[in-house]
């Protein structure tokens, strides 16, 4: 019985570790949440290792405070490549213009498109 529990615990830990793809870029960001966009989705993320990218923001979801994060960015993901991921890693990006119908609470959050 003890052996079975140990095996099940090992399998469970292995499955949990496989939920996140390995980071294969120099800039690492932790996904906070996703929001539907007219084309694809927007990824709200906190940059972990590049303090020059992103800005400190208190994010709101469903008119409730979600939290304050030091380096928030919004990643344009029209093909939904990052759906369900906990981290997004990348090397190159382009800054995106602010949309015309932007939520004024998000006007200071850098928007990017990942190119590599």
N, C-alpha and C. Protein backbone atom coordinates (compact mmCIF):
# COMPACT_ATOMS: atom_id res chain seq x y z
N UNK A 1 0.83 -1.20 0.00
CA UNK A 1 0.00 0.00 0.00
C UNK A 1 0.87 1.26 0.00
N UNK A 2 1.90 1.26 0.86
CA UNK A 2 2.79 2.41 0.93
C UNK A 2 3.48 2.63 -0.41
N UNK A 3 3.88 1.55 -1.08
CA UNK A 3 4.55 1.62 -2.38
C UNK A 3 3.63 2.26 -3.42
N UNK A 4 2.36 1.88 -3.40
CA UNK A 4 1.40 2.44 -4.36
C UNK A 4 1.24 3.94 -4.15
N UNK A 5 1.17 4.38 -2.90
CA UNK A 5 1.05 5.81 -2.61
C UNK A 5 2.28 6.58 -3.10
N UNK A 6 3.46 6.01 -2.91
CA UNK A 6 4.69 6.66 -3.36
C UNK A 6 4.69 6.78 -4.88
N UNK A 7 4.28 5.73 -5.58
CA UNK A 7 4.24 5.75 -7.04
C UNK A 7 3.22 6.79 -7.52
N UNK A 8 2.04 6.81 -6.91
CA UNK A 8 1.02 7.78 -7.30
C UNK A 8 1.49 9.21 -7.05
N UNK A 9 2.17 9.45 -5.95
CA UNK A 9 2.68 10.78 -5.66
C UNK A 9 3.72 11.19 -6.71
N UNK A 10 4.58 10.28 -7.10
CA UNK A 10 5.59 10.56 -8.13
C UNK A 10 4.96 10.88 -9.46
N UNK A 11 3.94 10.12 -9.85
CA UNK A 11 3.25 10.37 -11.11
C UNK A 11 2.56 11.73 -11.07
N UNK A 12 1.93 12.07 -9.95
CA UNK A 12 1.24 13.35 -9.81
C UNK A 12 2.22 14.51 -9.95
N UNK A 13 3.38 14.41 -9.30
CA UNK A 13 4.37 15.47 -9.40
C UNK A 13 4.89 15.60 -10.82
N UNK A 14 5.07 14.50 -11.50
CA UNK A 14 5.53 14.53 -12.89
C UNK A 14 4.53 15.22 -13.79
N UNK A 15 3.25 14.96 -13.58
CA UNK A 15 2.22 15.61 -14.38
C UNK A 15 2.14 17.10 -14.12
N UNK A 16 2.30 17.50 -12.86
CA UNK A 16 2.26 18.92 -12.54
C UNK A 16 3.42 19.66 -13.19
N UNK A 17 4.59 19.07 -13.19
CA UNK A 17 5.75 19.70 -13.79
C UNK A 17 5.63 19.84 -15.29
N UNK A 18 4.86 18.98 -15.92
CA UNK A 18 4.76 19.02 -17.38
C UNK A 18 3.75 20.06 -17.87
N UNK A 19 3.07 20.76 -16.98
CA UNK A 19 2.08 21.76 -17.39
C UNK A 19 2.72 23.03 -17.95
N UNK A 20 3.95 23.28 -17.61
CA UNK A 20 4.60 24.50 -18.05
C UNK A 20 5.72 24.17 -19.02
N UNK A 21 5.70 24.82 -20.18
CA UNK A 21 6.74 24.60 -21.18
C UNK A 21 8.05 25.20 -20.69
N UNK A 22 9.18 24.61 -21.11
CA UNK A 22 10.47 25.18 -20.71
C UNK A 22 10.65 26.57 -21.31
N UNK A 23 11.36 27.41 -20.60
CA UNK A 23 11.59 28.78 -21.06
C UNK A 23 12.69 28.77 -22.12
N UNK A 24 12.35 29.16 -23.34
CA UNK A 24 13.35 29.18 -24.41
C UNK A 24 13.46 30.58 -25.00
N UNK A 25 13.66 31.54 -24.13
CA UNK A 25 13.88 32.93 -24.52
C UNK A 25 14.57 33.66 -23.39
N UNK A 26 15.17 34.79 -23.69
CA UNK A 26 15.91 35.53 -22.67
C UNK A 26 15.00 36.35 -21.76
N UNK A 27 13.82 36.68 -22.23
CA UNK A 27 12.87 37.44 -21.42
C UNK A 27 11.78 36.48 -20.96
N UNK A 28 11.60 36.40 -19.64
CA UNK A 28 10.61 35.48 -19.08
C UNK A 28 9.49 36.29 -18.43
N UNK A 29 8.26 35.88 -18.69
CA UNK A 29 7.11 36.53 -18.06
C UNK A 29 6.17 35.47 -17.52
N UNK A 30 5.56 35.78 -16.41
CA UNK A 30 4.57 34.90 -15.78
C UNK A 30 3.18 35.39 -16.18
N UNK A 31 2.39 34.48 -16.70
CA UNK A 31 1.04 34.84 -17.14
C UNK A 31 0.16 35.12 -15.92
N UNK A 32 -0.52 36.24 -15.96
CA UNK A 32 -1.47 36.59 -14.90
C UNK A 32 -2.87 36.13 -15.28
N UNK A 33 -3.29 36.46 -16.51
CA UNK A 33 -4.58 35.98 -17.02
C UNK A 33 -4.67 36.29 -18.51
N UNK A 34 -5.71 35.76 -19.13
CA UNK A 34 -5.97 35.96 -20.56
C UNK A 34 -7.28 36.71 -20.72
N UNK A 35 -7.37 37.48 -21.81
CA UNK A 35 -8.62 38.18 -22.13
C UNK A 35 -8.86 38.03 -23.63
N UNK A 36 -10.11 37.76 -24.00
CA UNK A 36 -10.45 37.64 -25.42
C UNK A 36 -10.20 38.96 -26.13
N UNK A 37 -9.70 38.87 -27.36
CA UNK A 37 -9.48 40.05 -28.20
C UNK A 37 -10.28 39.86 -29.49
N UNK A 38 -10.48 40.92 -30.26
CA UNK A 38 -11.20 40.76 -31.54
C UNK A 38 -10.57 39.68 -32.42
N UNK A 39 -9.25 39.58 -32.37
CA UNK A 39 -8.55 38.51 -33.07
C UNK A 39 -7.66 37.81 -32.06
N UNK A 40 -8.02 36.62 -31.65
CA UNK A 40 -7.21 35.86 -30.70
C UNK A 40 -7.44 36.27 -29.27
N UNK A 41 -6.32 36.50 -28.56
CA UNK A 41 -6.41 36.83 -27.14
C UNK A 41 -5.31 37.80 -26.75
N UNK A 42 -5.49 38.42 -25.59
CA UNK A 42 -4.46 39.25 -24.97
C UNK A 42 -3.95 38.50 -23.76
N UNK A 43 -2.64 38.49 -23.59
CA UNK A 43 -2.02 37.82 -22.45
C UNK A 43 -1.51 38.91 -21.51
N UNK A 44 -2.05 38.95 -20.31
CA UNK A 44 -1.59 39.88 -19.29
C UNK A 44 -0.51 39.14 -18.51
N UNK A 45 0.70 39.70 -18.51
CA UNK A 45 1.82 38.99 -17.91
C UNK A 45 2.69 39.95 -17.11
N UNK A 46 3.45 39.39 -16.18
CA UNK A 46 4.40 40.14 -15.37
C UNK A 46 5.80 39.69 -15.76
N UNK A 47 6.62 40.61 -16.26
CA UNK A 47 7.98 40.27 -16.69
C UNK A 47 8.84 40.01 -15.46
N UNK A 48 9.53 38.87 -15.48
CA UNK A 48 10.30 38.43 -14.32
C UNK A 48 11.73 38.97 -14.33
N UNK A 49 12.38 38.98 -15.48
CA UNK A 49 13.83 39.22 -15.49
C UNK A 49 14.28 40.41 -16.35
N UNK A 50 13.40 41.32 -16.70
CA UNK A 50 13.79 42.52 -17.44
C UNK A 50 12.99 43.71 -16.91
N UNK A 51 13.53 44.38 -15.87
CA UNK A 51 12.77 45.45 -15.23
C UNK A 51 12.50 46.66 -16.14
N UNK A 52 13.21 46.76 -17.27
CA UNK A 52 12.96 47.88 -18.18
C UNK A 52 11.69 47.69 -19.01
N UNK A 53 11.18 46.47 -19.02
CA UNK A 53 9.98 46.16 -19.81
C UNK A 53 8.80 46.03 -18.86
N UNK A 54 7.74 46.72 -19.13
CA UNK A 54 6.55 46.64 -18.29
C UNK A 54 6.47 47.82 -17.35
N UNK A 55 5.34 47.94 -16.70
CA UNK A 55 5.13 49.01 -15.73
C UNK A 55 4.31 48.49 -14.56
N UNK A 56 4.53 49.11 -13.40
CA UNK A 56 3.78 48.68 -12.22
C UNK A 56 2.32 49.06 -12.39
N UNK A 57 1.46 48.07 -12.19
CA UNK A 57 0.03 48.27 -12.40
C UNK A 57 -0.78 47.52 -11.36
N UNK A 58 -1.90 48.12 -10.99
CA UNK A 58 -2.91 47.40 -10.23
C UNK A 58 -3.97 47.00 -11.24
N UNK A 59 -4.11 45.70 -11.44
CA UNK A 59 -5.03 45.19 -12.46
C UNK A 59 -6.40 44.92 -11.87
N UNK A 60 -7.41 45.14 -12.69
CA UNK A 60 -8.80 44.90 -12.32
C UNK A 60 -9.39 43.83 -13.23
N UNK A 61 -10.17 42.93 -12.66
CA UNK A 61 -10.92 41.93 -13.44
C UNK A 61 -12.33 41.89 -12.90
N UNK A 62 -13.28 41.97 -13.78
CA UNK A 62 -14.70 41.95 -13.38
C UNK A 62 -14.98 43.01 -12.31
N UNK A 63 -14.38 44.19 -12.50
CA UNK A 63 -14.53 45.33 -11.59
C UNK A 63 -14.06 45.05 -10.17
N UNK A 64 -13.15 44.09 -10.01
CA UNK A 64 -12.55 43.79 -8.71
C UNK A 64 -11.03 43.84 -8.86
N UNK A 65 -10.37 44.29 -7.80
CA UNK A 65 -8.91 44.37 -7.85
C UNK A 65 -8.32 42.96 -7.92
N UNK A 66 -7.48 42.73 -8.93
CA UNK A 66 -6.84 41.43 -9.13
C UNK A 66 -5.49 41.37 -8.42
N UNK A 67 -4.79 42.49 -8.37
CA UNK A 67 -3.50 42.54 -7.70
C UNK A 67 -2.62 43.61 -8.32
N UNK A 68 -1.53 43.93 -7.62
CA UNK A 68 -0.55 44.89 -8.10
C UNK A 68 0.72 44.14 -8.45
N UNK A 69 1.24 44.40 -9.65
CA UNK A 69 2.41 43.68 -10.16
C UNK A 69 3.42 44.69 -10.68
N UNK A 70 4.73 44.41 -10.53
CA UNK A 70 5.75 45.41 -10.84
C UNK A 70 6.06 45.65 -12.32
N UNK A 71 5.90 44.66 -13.18
CA UNK A 71 6.34 44.81 -14.58
C UNK A 71 5.31 44.21 -15.54
N UNK A 72 4.13 44.80 -15.59
CA UNK A 72 3.03 44.25 -16.38
C UNK A 72 3.18 44.64 -17.86
N UNK A 73 2.91 43.66 -18.73
CA UNK A 73 2.82 43.88 -20.17
C UNK A 73 1.56 43.18 -20.67
N UNK A 74 1.12 43.60 -21.85
CA UNK A 74 0.02 42.91 -22.52
C UNK A 74 0.58 42.39 -23.84
N UNK A 75 0.51 41.08 -24.02
CA UNK A 75 1.03 40.44 -25.22
C UNK A 75 -0.13 40.18 -26.17
N UNK A 76 -0.02 40.69 -27.38
CA UNK A 76 -1.02 40.43 -28.41
C UNK A 76 -0.76 39.02 -28.95
N UNK A 77 -1.74 38.15 -28.84
CA UNK A 77 -1.59 36.75 -29.24
C UNK A 77 -2.73 36.37 -30.20
N UNK A 78 -2.66 36.84 -31.46
CA UNK A 78 -3.77 36.61 -32.40
C UNK A 78 -3.98 35.14 -32.76
N UNK A 79 -2.92 34.33 -32.69
CA UNK A 79 -3.06 32.91 -33.04
C UNK A 79 -3.23 32.02 -31.82
N UNK A 80 -3.32 32.63 -30.64
CA UNK A 80 -3.54 31.92 -29.38
C UNK A 80 -2.47 30.85 -29.14
N UNK A 81 -1.22 31.18 -29.46
CA UNK A 81 -0.10 30.26 -29.26
C UNK A 81 0.17 30.02 -27.78
N UNK A 82 -0.19 30.97 -26.93
CA UNK A 82 0.16 30.89 -25.52
C UNK A 82 -1.01 30.45 -24.64
N UNK A 83 -2.10 30.03 -25.25
CA UNK A 83 -3.29 29.64 -24.51
C UNK A 83 -2.95 28.57 -23.47
N UNK A 84 -3.33 28.82 -22.22
CA UNK A 84 -3.15 27.85 -21.15
C UNK A 84 -1.76 27.81 -20.55
N UNK A 85 -0.82 28.59 -21.06
CA UNK A 85 0.54 28.56 -20.51
C UNK A 85 0.64 29.42 -19.26
N UNK A 86 1.55 29.02 -18.38
CA UNK A 86 1.79 29.79 -17.17
C UNK A 86 2.94 30.77 -17.34
N UNK A 87 3.83 30.49 -18.29
CA UNK A 87 4.92 31.40 -18.60
C UNK A 87 4.99 31.63 -20.10
N UNK A 88 5.47 32.81 -20.48
CA UNK A 88 5.73 33.12 -21.88
C UNK A 88 7.15 33.67 -21.94
N UNK A 89 8.00 33.00 -22.71
CA UNK A 89 9.39 33.40 -22.84
C UNK A 89 9.65 33.82 -24.28
N UNK A 90 10.48 34.85 -24.45
CA UNK A 90 10.72 35.36 -25.80
C UNK A 90 12.03 36.14 -25.82
N UNK A 91 12.52 36.38 -27.03
CA UNK A 91 13.74 37.14 -27.23
C UNK A 91 13.48 38.50 -27.87
N UNK A 92 12.60 38.53 -28.88
CA UNK A 92 12.37 39.76 -29.62
C UNK A 92 10.88 40.09 -29.67
N UNK A 93 10.60 41.39 -29.69
CA UNK A 93 9.21 41.84 -29.72
C UNK A 93 9.14 43.20 -30.39
N UNK A 94 7.94 43.58 -30.78
CA UNK A 94 7.70 44.94 -31.27
C UNK A 94 6.62 45.56 -30.40
N UNK A 95 6.79 46.85 -30.13
CA UNK A 95 5.77 47.56 -29.36
C UNK A 95 4.58 47.81 -30.27
N UNK A 96 3.40 47.68 -29.72
CA UNK A 96 2.16 47.84 -30.46
C UNK A 96 1.49 49.16 -30.09
N UNK A 97 0.81 49.78 -31.03
CA UNK A 97 0.08 51.01 -30.71
C UNK A 97 -1.12 50.70 -29.81
N UNK A 98 -1.52 51.69 -29.05
CA UNK A 98 -2.69 51.51 -28.20
C UNK A 98 -3.94 51.48 -29.07
N UNK A 99 -4.87 50.59 -28.76
CA UNK A 99 -6.12 50.56 -29.53
C UNK A 99 -6.95 51.81 -29.27
N UNK A 100 -7.79 52.14 -30.21
CA UNK A 100 -8.65 53.33 -30.10
C UNK A 100 -9.62 53.19 -28.93
N UNK A 101 -10.14 52.00 -28.72
CA UNK A 101 -11.15 51.78 -27.68
C UNK A 101 -10.55 51.24 -26.38
N UNK A 102 -9.36 51.69 -26.03
CA UNK A 102 -8.65 51.16 -24.86
C UNK A 102 -9.36 51.52 -23.55
N UNK A 103 -9.32 50.59 -22.62
CA UNK A 103 -9.78 50.85 -21.26
C UNK A 103 -8.76 51.82 -20.65
N UNK A 104 -9.20 52.96 -20.18
CA UNK A 104 -8.28 53.98 -19.68
C UNK A 104 -7.42 53.49 -18.52
N UNK A 105 -7.86 52.48 -17.81
CA UNK A 105 -7.05 51.93 -16.72
C UNK A 105 -5.83 51.19 -17.26
N UNK A 106 -5.83 50.87 -18.56
CA UNK A 106 -4.73 50.10 -19.15
C UNK A 106 -3.86 50.94 -20.08
N UNK A 107 -4.03 52.25 -20.08
CA UNK A 107 -3.33 53.09 -21.06
C UNK A 107 -1.81 53.13 -20.83
N UNK A 108 -1.34 52.84 -19.63
CA UNK A 108 0.09 52.88 -19.34
C UNK A 108 0.76 51.52 -19.41
N UNK A 109 0.02 50.50 -19.77
CA UNK A 109 0.60 49.15 -19.86
C UNK A 109 1.16 48.96 -21.27
N UNK A 110 2.46 48.64 -21.38
CA UNK A 110 3.03 48.40 -22.71
C UNK A 110 2.37 47.20 -23.38
N UNK A 111 2.06 47.36 -24.66
CA UNK A 111 1.50 46.28 -25.47
C UNK A 111 2.55 45.86 -26.47
N UNK A 112 2.75 44.54 -26.57
CA UNK A 112 3.79 44.03 -27.47
C UNK A 112 3.26 42.88 -28.31
N UNK A 113 3.98 42.62 -29.40
CA UNK A 113 3.78 41.42 -30.21
C UNK A 113 5.12 40.71 -30.22
N UNK A 114 5.12 39.44 -29.93
CA UNK A 114 6.36 38.67 -29.89
C UNK A 114 6.74 38.27 -31.31
N UNK A 115 7.99 38.56 -31.68
CA UNK A 115 8.47 38.22 -33.01
C UNK A 115 9.42 37.03 -32.98
N UNK A 116 10.00 36.75 -31.83
CA UNK A 116 10.89 35.57 -31.69
C UNK A 116 11.00 35.17 -30.24
